[in-house]
Structures are given as structure tokens and as C-alpha cells.
Amino acid sequence: MRAKIHTRFLGLALVAALAFTTLILVPQAHAIFINQIPPPQPAPGAFGLEASKLQAPPTTTATISTPGNGTTVNNNSPITVSGLCTAGLLVQIYDNGVLVGAVDCQNGSFSIQVSLFPGENDFYTIQYDDLGQASPQGNHVIVNYNSTDFQSFGTYITLTSNYGRRAANPGQTLTWPLLLSGGTGPYAFSIDWGDGGTPSLKSQALAGEVDVTHVYSKSGIYQVTIKVTDANGVSAFLQVVAIANGQTTGSATTGSSSSGAASTTAKVLWWPAVICFILLPPAFWLGRRSMLVSMHHKLEHDMQNYQEY
């Protein structure tokens, strides 16, 4: 009976030691190992991200407060669109279903300049988190635009992109695909990349797909302003957010960068190993004692049977 009790106690002790090792020591060692490995550099067009777990998509919406619904604008494009949003998310502005601008939400609000289409403009917003997950659409605001430029030249310029946010590593080329339509060529582009440098200039003979490129020297989040003007002086306007991968502090900026040095701290936890080390000698001693007790009882049993015989 005593042998069975010792054996059960031994089993419990070994199970406890194994549980501490599996559930505490191994995950901590794995986490430390991961922290010591530099993260892979994101591919061009992607932006760097550190996350310990998956998160749900944003559920809140950004609301447009200015301009008001039903506003009529005469020869005043671009206009300022502003409203309330969720801090830390990217706010993308859509006009008639087309992306016309993007800006980071700062302190719970956003403000951005966007070009107008002749006639009716149906504005709404979508917020995006760092994983690229979208929120529901915000409120719709209708703005009517009466353009004498459109009446004079018979055509209008639209400048859009499929990307409200793109990224590249510092020192590597960031390429931004644009779509230009309308107007009369040739076209002149002026791009302020938001890092305090001289705006880039580019000419384009015909409308269509256009790629603009830039190389950032420091990690940061930058507000990019793109303006295009055709041969008749008609212009279009687009604001987007560029990211130079790496740890940053602050939000998107215009004319200056916001950057910081990346750092990783590896913290070694020794107490799980100490606990396991303490548990192993008692477990070994109990196992040896259990074996000796079992052998002693077996010898007594055999001796008793021999005497009875």
C-alpha cells in the first residue's frame, strides 16, 4: 500500500515538473529566441508591422462634418474635407466610389484636401487599421460642383490611385501607381513627399497609368501631396500616406519626418528553470525510495511465503 502511495506521489511530482517545463519555460524560451532574431524586411509596397496577436477589424466609422450634405461649390477645387475618426487608423476618402485621398487620424479628427468631379460628388470614408482591415463606410455627403473650367475646355482632370498607403524600406525606391484621366496633354506633376525635400517634378505626354517614385532616407510616416496640371491650366489634386518602414514616433507629417531608432529588448526569465531544477531532485529521490520500499516489501513477502512453506 505504501509503495502505491509513493508511486502516485512520484507521478504527480513528475507531471508537475513536466507541466512547468512545457507551459512556462518552453514558451518563454521561444519568445526570447524570437526577440533575438531581427524581423524580416517588408517587401516593397508593404509596410512594417509588429503584432503579438490578431485583432478584429475596426467597427467604428469616420464621419464627415465639413462640407455639409447638399453643399454647392463654384470654381473652388480642391476643397477641404474634415470630420471625426478613430485615432491611429488610416482614413481614406472616396468620391463617387473612387479613392481621392488618404490621411492618418490624429487626435480623433482628420482634415484633407480633395479634388471635385464636375456635377455631383458623393463623399464617404472608410477607416483601415495597420493590418489593412477595413471599417464600415461612414456617412455619405453630397457636394455639387459647378466648374467653369470644365465648361470652357470641355474636359476635366481626375487623378486617383488604388492605394491610400504604400511603403518601402529606407534607402529603397517607393513606387506609387497613379491613374490620370481627362485633360489635355502634356501634363506636369509636382509631388511633395513630405520629408522636407524639394518637390519632385515629372512630365507626362498622355493620360493613363503613371508611376511616381521616391527614396526616403529615414523611417517615418509622411503625408504625400500630388498635383497635376494639364496644358490648359486645369489641375487635379491627391493626398496619400507614405511609410518608410521602421519604428516611428508620432503620426503622418507634411514637410518633415517622424522617425525613431528601432530597438528590441530580450528579457530572460530564470524562475521557471529554477522551479524545475528544484523539483527534479525530490522526484528522483522519491522514485529511488519508492523502488527500495517496493523491493523491501517484496523481500518480506517472499520470506513470509518461504517460512509458511
C-alpha atoms as a PDB file:
ATOM      1  CA  MET A   1       0.000   0.000   0.000  1.00  0.00           C
ATOM      2  CA  ARG A   2       2.785   2.411   0.936  1.00  0.00           C
ATOM      3  CA  ALA A   3       4.550   1.597  -2.310  1.00  0.00           C
ATOM      4  CA  LYS A   4       1.423   2.558  -4.260  1.00  0.00           C
ATOM      5  CA  ILE A   5       1.164   5.878  -2.389  1.00  0.00           C
ATOM      6  CA  HIS A   6       4.823   6.683  -3.074  1.00  0.00           C
ATOM      7  CA  THR A   7       4.384   5.762  -6.728  1.00  0.00           C
ATOM      8  CA  ARG A   8       1.353   8.035  -7.092  1.00  0.00           C
ATOM      9  CA  PHE A   9       3.164  10.892  -5.358  1.00  0.00           C
ATOM     10  CA  LEU A  10       6.100  10.349  -7.691  1.00  0.00           C
ATOM     11  CA  GLY A  11       3.805  10.513 -10.716  1.00  0.00           C
ATOM     12  CA  LEU A  12       2.225  13.758  -9.530  1.00  0.00           C
ATOM     13  CA  ALA A  13       5.632  15.333  -8.928  1.00  0.00           C
ATOM     14  CA  LEU A  14       6.868  14.348 -12.383  1.00  0.00           C
ATOM     15  CA  VAL A  15       3.680  15.633 -14.023  1.00  0.00           C
ATOM     16  CA  ALA A  16       4.050  18.960 -12.177  1.00  0.00           C
ATOM     17  CA  ALA A  17       7.672  19.302 -13.282  1.00  0.00           C
ATOM     18  CA  LEU A  18       6.735  18.481 -16.882  1.00  0.00           C
ATOM     19  CA  ALA A  19       3.838  20.968 -16.801  1.00  0.00           C
ATOM     20  CA  PHE A  20       6.095  23.779 -15.565  1.00  0.00           C
ATOM     21  CA  THR A  21       8.631  22.976 -18.256  1.00  0.00           C
ATOM     22  CA  THR A  22       6.101  22.747 -21.107  1.00  0.00           C
ATOM     23  CA  LEU A  23       3.750  25.592 -20.217  1.00  0.00           C
ATOM     24  CA  ILE A  24       6.185  28.146 -18.824  1.00  0.00           C
ATOM     25  CA  LEU A  25       9.802  27.500 -19.674  1.00  0.00           C
ATOM     26  CA  VAL A  26       9.381  26.465 -23.322  1.00  0.00           C
ATOM     27  CA  PRO A  27       7.121  29.398 -24.352  1.00  0.00           C
ATOM     28  CA  GLN A  28       9.410  31.889 -22.576  1.00  0.00           C
ATOM     29  CA  ALA A  29      12.471  30.442 -24.284  1.00  0.00           C
ATOM     30  CA  HIS A  30      10.630  30.548 -27.624  1.00  0.00           C
ATOM     31  CA  ALA A  31       9.657  34.195 -27.076  1.00  0.00           C
ATOM     32  CA  ILE A  32      13.239  35.093 -26.160  1.00  0.00           C
ATOM     33  CA  PHE A  33      14.501  33.289 -29.253  1.00  0.00           C
ATOM     34  CA  ILE A  34      12.050  35.177 -31.467  1.00  0.00           C
ATOM     35  CA  ASN A  35      13.058  38.535 -29.912  1.00  0.00           C
ATOM     36  CA  GLN A  36      16.709  37.865 -30.675  1.00  0.00           C
ATOM     37  CA  ILE A  37      16.069  37.284 -34.394  1.00  0.00           C
ATOM     38  CA  PRO A  38      15.853  40.513 -36.450  1.00  0.00           C
ATOM     39  CA  PRO A  39      12.445  40.765 -38.186  1.00  0.00           C
ATOM     40  CA  PRO A  40      12.497  40.260 -41.962  1.00  0.00           C
ATOM     41  CA  GLN A  41      12.447  43.398 -44.065  1.00  0.00           C
ATOM     42  CA  PRO A  42       8.975  44.014 -45.583  1.00  0.00           C
ATOM     43  CA  ALA A  43       8.624  43.687 -49.320  1.00  0.00           C
ATOM     44  CA  PRO A  44       8.309  46.840 -51.457  1.00  0.00           C
ATOM     45  CA  GLY A  45       4.786  48.240 -51.235  1.00  0.00           C
ATOM     46  CA  ALA A  46       4.176  46.679 -47.809  1.00  0.00           C
ATOM     47  CA  PHE A  47       4.601  48.434 -44.504  1.00  0.00           C
ATOM     48  CA  GLY A  48       6.340  47.143 -41.381  1.00  0.00           C
ATOM     49  CA  LEU A  49       4.175  45.762 -38.590  1.00  0.00           C
ATOM     50  CA  GLU A  50       4.749  44.192 -35.196  1.00  0.00           C
ATOM     51  CA  ALA A  51       1.797  42.370 -33.633  1.00  0.00           C
ATOM     52  CA  SER A  52       1.568  39.817 -30.842  1.00  0.00           C
ATOM     53  CA  LYS A  53      -1.920  38.646 -31.795  1.00  0.00           C
ATOM     54  CA  LEU A  54      -4.585  39.102 -34.434  1.00  0.00           C
ATOM     55  CA  GLN A  55      -7.125  41.856 -33.939  1.00  0.00           C
ATOM     56  CA  ALA A  56     -10.677  42.366 -35.115  1.00  0.00           C
ATOM     57  CA  PRO A  57     -11.349  44.835 -37.957  1.00  0.00           C
ATOM     58  CA  PRO A  58     -12.337  48.375 -36.956  1.00  0.00           C
ATOM     59  CA  THR A  59     -16.039  48.646 -36.133  1.00  0.00           C
ATOM     60  CA  THR A  60     -16.264  52.429 -35.755  1.00  0.00           C
ATOM     61  CA  THR A  61     -16.733  54.715 -38.763  1.00  0.00           C
ATOM     62  CA  ALA A  62     -15.215  58.071 -39.654  1.00  0.00           C
ATOM     63  CA  THR A  63     -17.842  60.772 -40.148  1.00  0.00           C
ATOM     64  CA  ILE A  64     -17.599  63.768 -42.474  1.00  0.00           C
ATOM     65  CA  SER A  65     -18.678  67.010 -40.802  1.00  0.00           C
ATOM     66  CA  THR A  66     -17.357  69.503 -43.395  1.00  0.00           C
ATOM     67  CA  PRO A  67     -18.621  70.183 -46.043  1.00  0.00           C
ATOM     68  CA  GLY A  68     -22.273  69.743 -45.155  1.00  0.00           C
ATOM     69  CA  ASN A  69     -24.577  67.492 -47.122  1.00  0.00           C
ATOM     70  CA  GLY A  70     -26.093  69.303 -50.131  1.00  0.00           C
ATOM     71  CA  THR A  71     -23.309  71.926 -50.382  1.00  0.00           C
ATOM     72  CA  THR A  72     -22.805  73.620 -53.768  1.00  0.00           C
ATOM     73  CA  VAL A  73     -19.288  74.700 -54.776  1.00  0.00           C
ATOM     74  CA  ASN A  74     -18.452  77.126 -57.588  1.00  0.00           C
ATOM     75  CA  ASN A  75     -14.922  77.151 -59.012  1.00  0.00           C
ATOM     76  CA  ASN A  76     -13.272  76.142 -55.754  1.00  0.00           C
ATOM     77  CA  SER A  77     -11.454  72.850 -56.166  1.00  0.00           C
ATOM     78  CA  PRO A  78      -9.782  71.281 -54.269  1.00  0.00           C
ATOM     79  CA  ILE A  79     -11.907  71.625 -51.139  1.00  0.00           C
ATOM     80  CA  THR A  80     -11.211  70.633 -47.531  1.00  0.00           C
ATOM     81  CA  VAL A  81     -12.971  67.543 -46.190  1.00  0.00           C
ATOM     82  CA  SER A  82     -12.795  67.091 -42.419  1.00  0.00           C
ATOM     83  CA  GLY A  83     -14.518  65.165 -39.650  1.00  0.00           C
ATOM     84  CA  LEU A  84     -14.178  62.759 -36.740  1.00  0.00           C
ATOM     85  CA  CYS A  85     -12.331  59.436 -36.792  1.00  0.00           C
ATOM     86  CA  THR A  86     -10.641  56.808 -34.625  1.00  0.00           C
ATOM     87  CA  ALA A  87      -7.099  57.773 -33.587  1.00  0.00           C
ATOM     88  CA  GLY A  88      -4.380  55.569 -35.068  1.00  0.00           C
ATOM     89  CA  LEU A  89      -6.375  54.481 -38.117  1.00  0.00           C
ATOM     90  CA  LEU A  90      -5.941  55.480 -41.761  1.00  0.00           C
ATOM     91  CA  VAL A  91      -8.897  57.420 -43.182  1.00  0.00           C
ATOM     92  CA  GLN A  92      -9.460  57.001 -46.920  1.00  0.00           C
ATOM     93  CA  ILE A  93     -11.818  59.410 -48.714  1.00  0.00           C
ATOM     94  CA  TYR A  94     -13.922  58.175 -51.621  1.00  0.00           C
ATOM     95  CA  ASP A  95     -15.767  60.321 -54.155  1.00  0.00           C
ATOM     96  CA  ASN A  96     -18.302  58.580 -56.401  1.00  0.00           C
ATOM     97  CA  GLY A  97     -16.709  55.268 -55.416  1.00  0.00           C
ATOM     98  CA  VAL A  98     -13.153  56.366 -56.338  1.00  0.00           C
ATOM     99  CA  LEU A  99     -10.305  56.893 -53.861  1.00  0.00           C
ATOM    100  CA  VAL A 100      -9.443  60.606 -53.849  1.00  0.00           C
ATOM    101  CA  GLY A 101      -7.262  60.894 -50.745  1.00  0.00           C
ATOM    102  CA  ALA A 102      -5.969  59.323 -47.543  1.00  0.00           C
ATOM    103  CA  VAL A 103      -4.785  60.717 -44.214  1.00  0.00           C
ATOM    104  CA  ASP A 104      -3.917  59.368 -40.761  1.00  0.00           C
ATOM    105  CA  CYS A 105      -6.419  60.104 -37.998  1.00  0.00           C
ATOM    106  CA  GLN A 106      -4.791  62.408 -35.442  1.00  0.00           C
ATOM    107  CA  ASN A 107      -6.340  63.124 -32.035  1.00  0.00           C
ATOM    108  CA  GLY A 108      -9.712  61.821 -33.176  1.00  0.00           C
ATOM    109  CA  SER A 109     -10.117  64.034 -36.247  1.00  0.00           C
ATOM    110  CA  PHE A 110      -8.973  64.314 -39.865  1.00  0.00           C
ATOM    111  CA  SER A 111      -8.675  67.049 -42.482  1.00  0.00           C
ATOM    112  CA  ILE A 112      -7.667  66.628 -46.100  1.00  0.00           C
ATOM    113  CA  GLN A 113      -7.935  68.464 -49.418  1.00  0.00           C
ATOM    114  CA  VAL A 114      -9.590  66.654 -52.312  1.00  0.00           C
ATOM    115  CA  SER A 115     -10.415  67.488 -55.914  1.00  0.00           C
ATOM    116  CA  LEU A 116     -14.017  67.560 -57.113  1.00  0.00           C
ATOM    117  CA  PHE A 117     -15.676  65.980 -60.112  1.00  0.00           C
ATOM    118  CA  PRO A 118     -17.927  68.236 -62.188  1.00  0.00           C
ATOM    119  CA  GLY A 119     -21.534  67.818 -61.078  1.00  0.00           C
ATOM    120  CA  GLU A 120     -22.445  65.614 -58.123  1.00  0.00           C
ATOM    121  CA  ASN A 121     -19.803  64.325 -55.708  1.00  0.00           C
ATOM    122  CA  ASP A 122     -20.799  61.554 -53.280  1.00  0.00           C
ATOM    123  CA  PHE A 123     -18.216  61.515 -50.481  1.00  0.00           C
ATOM    124  CA  TYR A 124     -17.804  58.797 -47.844  1.00  0.00           C
ATOM    125  CA  THR A 125     -14.958  57.398 -45.729  1.00  0.00           C
ATOM    126  CA  ILE A 126     -13.502  54.002 -44.805  1.00  0.00           C
ATOM    127  CA  GLN A 127     -11.010  53.516 -41.966  1.00  0.00           C
ATOM    128  CA  TYR A 128      -8.170  50.986 -42.159  1.00  0.00           C
ATOM    129  CA  ASP A 129      -6.010  49.536 -39.368  1.00  0.00           C
ATOM    130  CA  ASP A 130      -2.337  48.530 -39.606  1.00  0.00           C
ATOM    131  CA  LEU A 131      -3.343  45.071 -40.837  1.00  0.00           C
ATOM    132  CA  GLY A 132      -5.260  46.601 -43.770  1.00  0.00           C
ATOM    133  CA  GLN A 133      -8.635  45.647 -42.323  1.00  0.00           C
ATOM    134  CA  ALA A 134     -11.485  47.972 -43.284  1.00  0.00           C
ATOM    135  CA  SER A 135     -14.220  49.526 -41.180  1.00  0.00           C
ATOM    136  CA  PRO A 136     -17.799  50.018 -42.389  1.00  0.00           C
ATOM    137  CA  GLN A 137     -18.461  53.035 -44.612  1.00  0.00           C
ATOM    138  CA  GLY A 138     -19.042  56.365 -42.912  1.00  0.00           C
ATOM    139  CA  ASN A 139     -21.818  58.825 -43.642  1.00  0.00           C
ATOM    140  CA  HIS A 140     -22.415  59.981 -47.228  1.00  0.00           C
ATOM    141  CA  VAL A 141     -22.142  63.686 -48.064  1.00  0.00           C
ATOM    142  CA  ILE A 142     -23.290  65.089 -51.423  1.00  0.00           C
ATOM    143  CA  VAL A 143     -21.429  68.108 -52.845  1.00  0.00           C
ATOM    144  CA  ASN A 144     -22.414  69.705 -56.165  1.00  0.00           C
ATOM    145  CA  TYR A 145     -19.599  71.289 -58.150  1.00  0.00           C
ATOM    146  CA  ASN A 146     -20.161  73.877 -60.894  1.00  0.00           C
ATOM    147  CA  SER A 147     -16.880  74.167 -62.814  1.00  0.00           C
ATOM    148  CA  THR A 148     -16.327  76.908 -65.404  1.00  0.00           C
ATOM    149  CA  ASP A 149     -13.007  75.261 -66.289  1.00  0.00           C
ATOM    150  CA  PHE A 150     -14.934  72.188 -67.370  1.00  0.00           C
ATOM    151  CA  GLN A 151     -17.363  74.356 -69.376  1.00  0.00           C
ATOM    152  CA  SER A 152     -14.503  76.250 -71.032  1.00  0.00           C
ATOM    153  CA  PHE A 153     -12.294  73.348 -72.084  1.00  0.00           C
ATOM    154  CA  GLY A 154     -14.843  70.552 -72.315  1.00  0.00           C
ATOM    155  CA  THR A 155     -12.804  68.123 -70.261  1.00  0.00           C
ATOM    156  CA  TYR A 156     -11.733  67.658 -66.667  1.00  0.00           C
ATOM    157  CA  ILE A 157      -8.743  66.021 -64.987  1.00  0.00           C
ATOM    158  CA  THR A 158      -9.116  63.190 -62.483  1.00  0.00           C
ATOM    159  CA  LEU A 159      -6.149  61.848 -60.536  1.00  0.00           C
ATOM    160  CA  THR A 160      -6.728  58.703 -58.464  1.00  0.00           C
ATOM    161  CA  SER A 161      -4.871  55.673 -57.119  1.00  0.00           C
ATOM    162  CA  ASN A 162      -5.719  52.206 -55.889  1.00  0.00           C
ATOM    163  CA  TYR A 163      -3.513  52.838 -52.842  1.00  0.00           C
ATOM    164  CA  GLY A 164      -4.110  55.230 -49.987  1.00  0.00           C
ATOM    165  CA  ARG A 165      -0.976  53.963 -48.233  1.00  0.00           C
ATOM    166  CA  ARG A 166       2.229  52.409 -49.556  1.00  0.00           C
ATOM    167  CA  ALA A 167       5.668  51.775 -48.105  1.00  0.00           C
ATOM    168  CA  ALA A 168       9.277  50.878 -48.771  1.00  0.00           C
ATOM    169  CA  ASN A 169      12.393  50.413 -46.678  1.00  0.00           C
ATOM    170  CA  PRO A 170      14.582  53.493 -46.144  1.00  0.00           C
ATOM    171  CA  GLY A 171      17.114  53.763 -48.944  1.00  0.00           C
ATOM    172  CA  GLN A 172      14.903  51.785 -51.348  1.00  0.00           C
ATOM    173  CA  THR A 173      12.661  53.160 -54.080  1.00  0.00           C
ATOM    174  CA  LEU A 174       8.996  53.666 -53.220  1.00  0.00           C
ATOM    175  CA  THR A 175       6.811  53.439 -56.323  1.00  0.00           C
ATOM    176  CA  TRP A 176       3.289  54.872 -56.333  1.00  0.00           C
ATOM    177  CA  PRO A 177       0.964  53.915 -59.222  1.00  0.00           C
ATOM    178  CA  LEU A 178      -1.471  56.669 -60.236  1.00  0.00           C
ATOM    179  CA  LEU A 179      -4.286  56.826 -62.765  1.00  0.00           C
ATOM    180  CA  LEU A 180      -4.659  60.069 -64.736  1.00  0.00           C
ATOM    181  CA  SER A 181      -7.642  60.716 -66.957  1.00  0.00           C
ATOM    182  CA  GLY A 182      -9.149  63.697 -68.784  1.00  0.00           C
ATOM    183  CA  GLY A 183      -7.457  66.987 -69.533  1.00  0.00           C
ATOM    184  CA  THR A 184      -5.175  67.842 -72.413  1.00  0.00           C
ATOM    185  CA  GLY A 185      -1.549  66.769 -72.552  1.00  0.00           C
ATOM    186  CA  PRO A 186       1.203  67.310 -71.839  1.00  0.00           C
ATOM    187  CA  TYR A 187       0.807  67.107 -68.061  1.00  0.00           C
ATOM    188  CA  ALA A 188       3.096  68.428 -65.339  1.00  0.00           C
ATOM    189  CA  PHE A 189       3.317  66.692 -61.948  1.00  0.00           C
ATOM    190  CA  SER A 190       4.567  68.201 -58.696  1.00  0.00           C
ATOM    191  CA  ILE A 191       4.944  65.759 -55.774  1.00  0.00           C
ATOM    192  CA  ASP A 192       5.706  66.882 -52.230  1.00  0.00           C
ATOM    193  CA  TRP A 193       6.858  63.687 -50.480  1.00  0.00           C
ATOM    194  CA  GLY A 194       6.508  65.203 -47.007  1.00  0.00           C
ATOM    195  CA  ASP A 195      10.136  64.703 -45.906  1.00  0.00           C
ATOM    196  CA  GLY A 196      11.222  68.326 -46.207  1.00  0.00           C
ATOM    197  CA  GLY A 197      12.936  67.867 -49.563  1.00  0.00           C
ATOM    198  CA  THR A 198      12.316  69.719 -52.814  1.00  0.00           C
ATOM    199  CA  PRO A 199       9.099  68.559 -54.543  1.00  0.00           C
ATOM    200  CA  SER A 200       9.644  66.104 -57.385  1.00  0.00           C
ATOM    201  CA  LEU A 201       8.726  67.218 -60.904  1.00  0.00           C
ATOM    202  CA  LYS A 202       7.554  64.905 -63.649  1.00  0.00           C
ATOM    203  CA  SER A 203       6.055  65.386 -67.109  1.00  0.00           C
ATOM    204  CA  GLN A 204       3.639  63.061 -68.858  1.00  0.00           C
ATOM    205  CA  ALA A 205       2.639  63.332 -72.513  1.00  0.00           C
ATOM    206  CA  LEU A 206      -0.615  61.349 -72.345  1.00  0.00           C
ATOM    207  CA  ALA A 207      -3.215  60.405 -69.768  1.00  0.00           C
ATOM    208  CA  GLY A 208      -3.227  56.885 -68.365  1.00  0.00           C
ATOM    209  CA  GLU A 209      -1.203  54.999 -65.783  1.00  0.00           C
ATOM    210  CA  VAL A 210       1.611  56.992 -64.194  1.00  0.00           C
ATOM    211  CA  ASP A 211       4.231  55.842 -61.672  1.00  0.00           C
ATOM    212  CA  VAL A 212       5.918  58.333 -59.361  1.00  0.00           C
ATOM    213  CA  THR A 213       8.923  57.259 -57.273  1.00  0.00           C
ATOM    214  CA  HIS A 214      10.859  58.467 -54.252  1.00  0.00           C
ATOM    215  CA  VAL A 215      13.578  57.275 -51.835  1.00  0.00           C
ATOM    216  CA  TYR A 216      13.207  58.085 -48.131  1.00  0.00           C
ATOM    217  CA  SER A 217      16.362  58.306 -46.053  1.00  0.00           C
ATOM    218  CA  LYS A 218      14.704  57.862 -42.631  1.00  0.00           C
ATOM    219  CA  SER A 219      11.948  55.740 -41.184  1.00  0.00           C
ATOM    220  CA  GLY A 220       8.740  57.674 -40.774  1.00  0.00           C
ATOM    221  CA  ILE A 221       5.153  58.308 -41.806  1.00  0.00           C
ATOM    222  CA  TYR A 222       4.761  61.022 -44.446  1.00  0.00           C
ATOM    223  CA  GLN A 223       1.820  62.901 -45.955  1.00  0.00           C
ATOM    224  CA  VAL A 224       2.341  62.991 -49.734  1.00  0.00           C
ATOM    225  CA  THR A 225       0.731  65.727 -51.858  1.00  0.00           C
ATOM    226  CA  ILE A 226       0.457  65.159 -55.606  1.00  0.00           C
ATOM    227  CA  LYS A 227      -0.684  67.878 -58.031  1.00  0.00           C
ATOM    228  CA  VAL A 228      -1.041  67.581 -61.795  1.00  0.00           C
ATOM    229  CA  THR A 229      -1.763  70.380 -64.293  1.00  0.00           C
ATOM    230  CA  ASP A 230      -2.603  69.972 -67.984  1.00  0.00           C
ATOM    231  CA  ALA A 231      -1.758  72.195 -70.963  1.00  0.00           C
ATOM    232  CA  ASN A 232      -4.845  74.358 -70.340  1.00  0.00           C
ATOM    233  CA  GLY A 233      -4.008  75.012 -66.690  1.00  0.00           C
ATOM    234  CA  VAL A 234      -6.706  72.636 -65.339  1.00  0.00           C
ATOM    235  CA  SER A 235      -5.385  70.801 -62.287  1.00  0.00           C
ATOM    236  CA  ALA A 236      -6.160  67.852 -60.030  1.00  0.00           C
ATOM    237  CA  PHE A 237      -5.014  67.081 -56.516  1.00  0.00           C
ATOM    238  CA  LEU A 238      -4.345  63.923 -54.469  1.00  0.00           C
ATOM    239  CA  GLN A 239      -3.109  63.357 -50.891  1.00  0.00           C
ATOM    240  CA  VAL A 240      -1.895  59.945 -49.691  1.00  0.00           C
ATOM    241  CA  VAL A 241       0.218  58.470 -46.872  1.00  0.00           C
ATOM    242  CA  ALA A 242       3.710  57.024 -47.425  1.00  0.00           C
ATOM    243  CA  ILE A 243       5.617  54.903 -44.917  1.00  0.00           C
ATOM    244  CA  ALA A 244       9.365  54.370 -44.696  1.00  0.00           C
ATOM    245  CA  ASN A 245       9.490  51.094 -42.780  1.00  0.00           C
ATOM    246  CA  GLY A 246      10.887  51.027 -39.264  1.00  0.00           C
ATOM    247  CA  GLN A 247       9.863  52.071 -35.777  1.00  0.00           C
ATOM    248  CA  THR A 248       8.361  55.562 -35.759  1.00  0.00           C
ATOM    249  CA  THR A 249       7.030  58.002 -33.229  1.00  0.00           C
ATOM    250  CA  GLY A 250       4.130  60.315 -33.951  1.00  0.00           C
ATOM    251  CA  SER A 251       1.775  60.482 -36.909  1.00  0.00           C
ATOM    252  CA  ALA A 252       1.883  61.478 -40.555  1.00  0.00           C
ATOM    253  CA  THR A 253       3.673  64.753 -41.192  1.00  0.00           C
ATOM    254  CA  THR A 254       3.976  67.202 -44.032  1.00  0.00           C
ATOM    255  CA  GLY A 255       7.379  68.676 -44.743  1.00  0.00           C
ATOM    256  CA  SER A 256       9.175  66.742 -42.009  1.00  0.00           C
ATOM    257  CA  SER A 257       9.777  63.189 -40.979  1.00  0.00           C
ATOM    258  CA  SER A 258       8.840  61.391 -37.800  1.00  0.00           C
ATOM    259  CA  SER A 259      11.315  58.664 -37.021  1.00  0.00           C
ATOM    260  CA  GLY A 260      12.935  56.732 -34.219  1.00  0.00           C
ATOM    261  CA  ALA A 261      15.545  54.063 -33.704  1.00  0.00           C
ATOM    262  CA  ALA A 262      14.289  50.515 -33.657  1.00  0.00           C
ATOM    263  CA  SER A 263      15.132  48.551 -30.550  1.00  0.00           C
ATOM    264  CA  THR A 264      14.468  45.072 -29.247  1.00  0.00           C
ATOM    265  CA  THR A 265      14.819  44.004 -25.626  1.00  0.00           C
ATOM    266  CA  ALA A 266      15.305  40.352 -24.760  1.00  0.00           C
ATOM    267  CA  LYS A 267      14.196  39.552 -21.222  1.00  0.00           C
ATOM    268  CA  VAL A 268      15.277  36.212 -19.803  1.00  0.00           C
ATOM    269  CA  LEU A 269      13.068  34.694 -17.104  1.00  0.00           C
ATOM    270  CA  TRP A 270      15.017  32.270 -14.915  1.00  0.00           C
ATOM    271  CA  TRP A 271      12.404  31.349 -12.322  1.00  0.00           C
ATOM    272  CA  PRO A 272      10.691  28.600 -14.404  1.00  0.00           C
ATOM    273  CA  ALA A 273      14.058  26.871 -14.804  1.00  0.00           C
ATOM    274  CA  VAL A 274      14.799  27.258 -11.081  1.00  0.00           C
ATOM    275  CA  ILE A 275      11.448  25.679 -10.147  1.00  0.00           C
ATOM    276  CA  CYS A 276      12.036  22.739 -12.466  1.00  0.00           C
ATOM    277  CA  PHE A 277      15.575  22.324 -11.097  1.00  0.00           C
ATOM    278  CA  ILE A 278      14.207  22.266  -7.530  1.00  0.00           C
ATOM    279  CA  LEU A 279      11.504  19.723  -8.378  1.00  0.00           C
ATOM    280  CA  LEU A 280      13.767  17.254 -10.162  1.00  0.00           C
ATOM    281  CA  PRO A 281      15.901  16.071  -7.138  1.00  0.00           C
ATOM    282  CA  PRO A 282      12.840  15.329  -4.931  1.00  0.00           C
ATOM    283  CA  ALA A 283      11.240  13.472  -7.808  1.00  0.00           C
ATOM    284  CA  PHE A 284      14.426  11.442  -8.321  1.00  0.00           C
ATOM    285  CA  TRP A 285      14.713  10.755  -4.552  1.00  0.00           C
ATOM    286  CA  LEU A 286      11.051   9.726  -4.311  1.00  0.00           C
ATOM    287  CA  GLY A 287      11.433   7.410  -7.258  1.00  0.00           C
ATOM    288  CA  ARG A 288      14.503   5.729  -5.766  1.00  0.00           C
ATOM    289  CA  ARG A 289      12.875   5.471  -2.340  1.00  0.00           C
ATOM    290  CA  SER A 290       9.728   4.013  -3.861  1.00  0.00           C
ATOM    291  CA  MET A 291      11.816   1.424  -5.660  1.00  0.00           C
ATOM    292  CA  LEU A 292      13.674   0.479  -2.433  1.00  0.00           C
ATOM    293  CA  VAL A 293      10.437   0.258  -0.435  1.00  0.00           C
ATOM    294  CA  SER A 294       8.877  -1.921  -3.105  1.00  0.00           C
ATOM    295  CA  MET A 295      11.902  -4.225  -3.104  1.00  0.00           C
ATOM    296  CA  HIS A 296      11.872  -4.406   0.725  1.00  0.00           C
ATOM    297  CA  HIS A 297       8.165  -5.332   0.820  1.00  0.00           C
ATOM    298  CA  LYS A 298       8.686  -7.906  -1.886  1.00  0.00           C
ATOM    299  CA  LEU A 299      11.536  -9.494   0.074  1.00  0.00           C
ATOM    300  CA  GLU A 300       9.386  -9.590   3.254  1.00  0.00           C
ATOM    301  CA  HIS A 301       6.522 -11.114   1.292  1.00  0.00           C
ATOM    302  CA  ASP A 302       8.782 -13.727  -0.264  1.00  0.00           C
ATOM    303  CA  MET A 303      10.365 -14.537   3.115  1.00  0.00           C
ATOM    304  CA  GLN A 304       6.927 -14.952   4.703  1.00  0.00           C
ATOM    305  CA  ASN A 305       5.798 -17.267   1.932  1.00  0.00           C
ATOM    306  CA  TYR A 306       9.048 -19.257   2.302  1.00  0.00           C
ATOM    307  CA  GLN A 307       8.547 -19.650   6.063  1.00  0.00           C
ATOM    308  CA  GLU A 308       4.937 -20.767   5.602  1.00  0.00           C
ATOM    309  CA  TYR A 309       6.110 -23.235   3.046  1.00  0.00           C
END
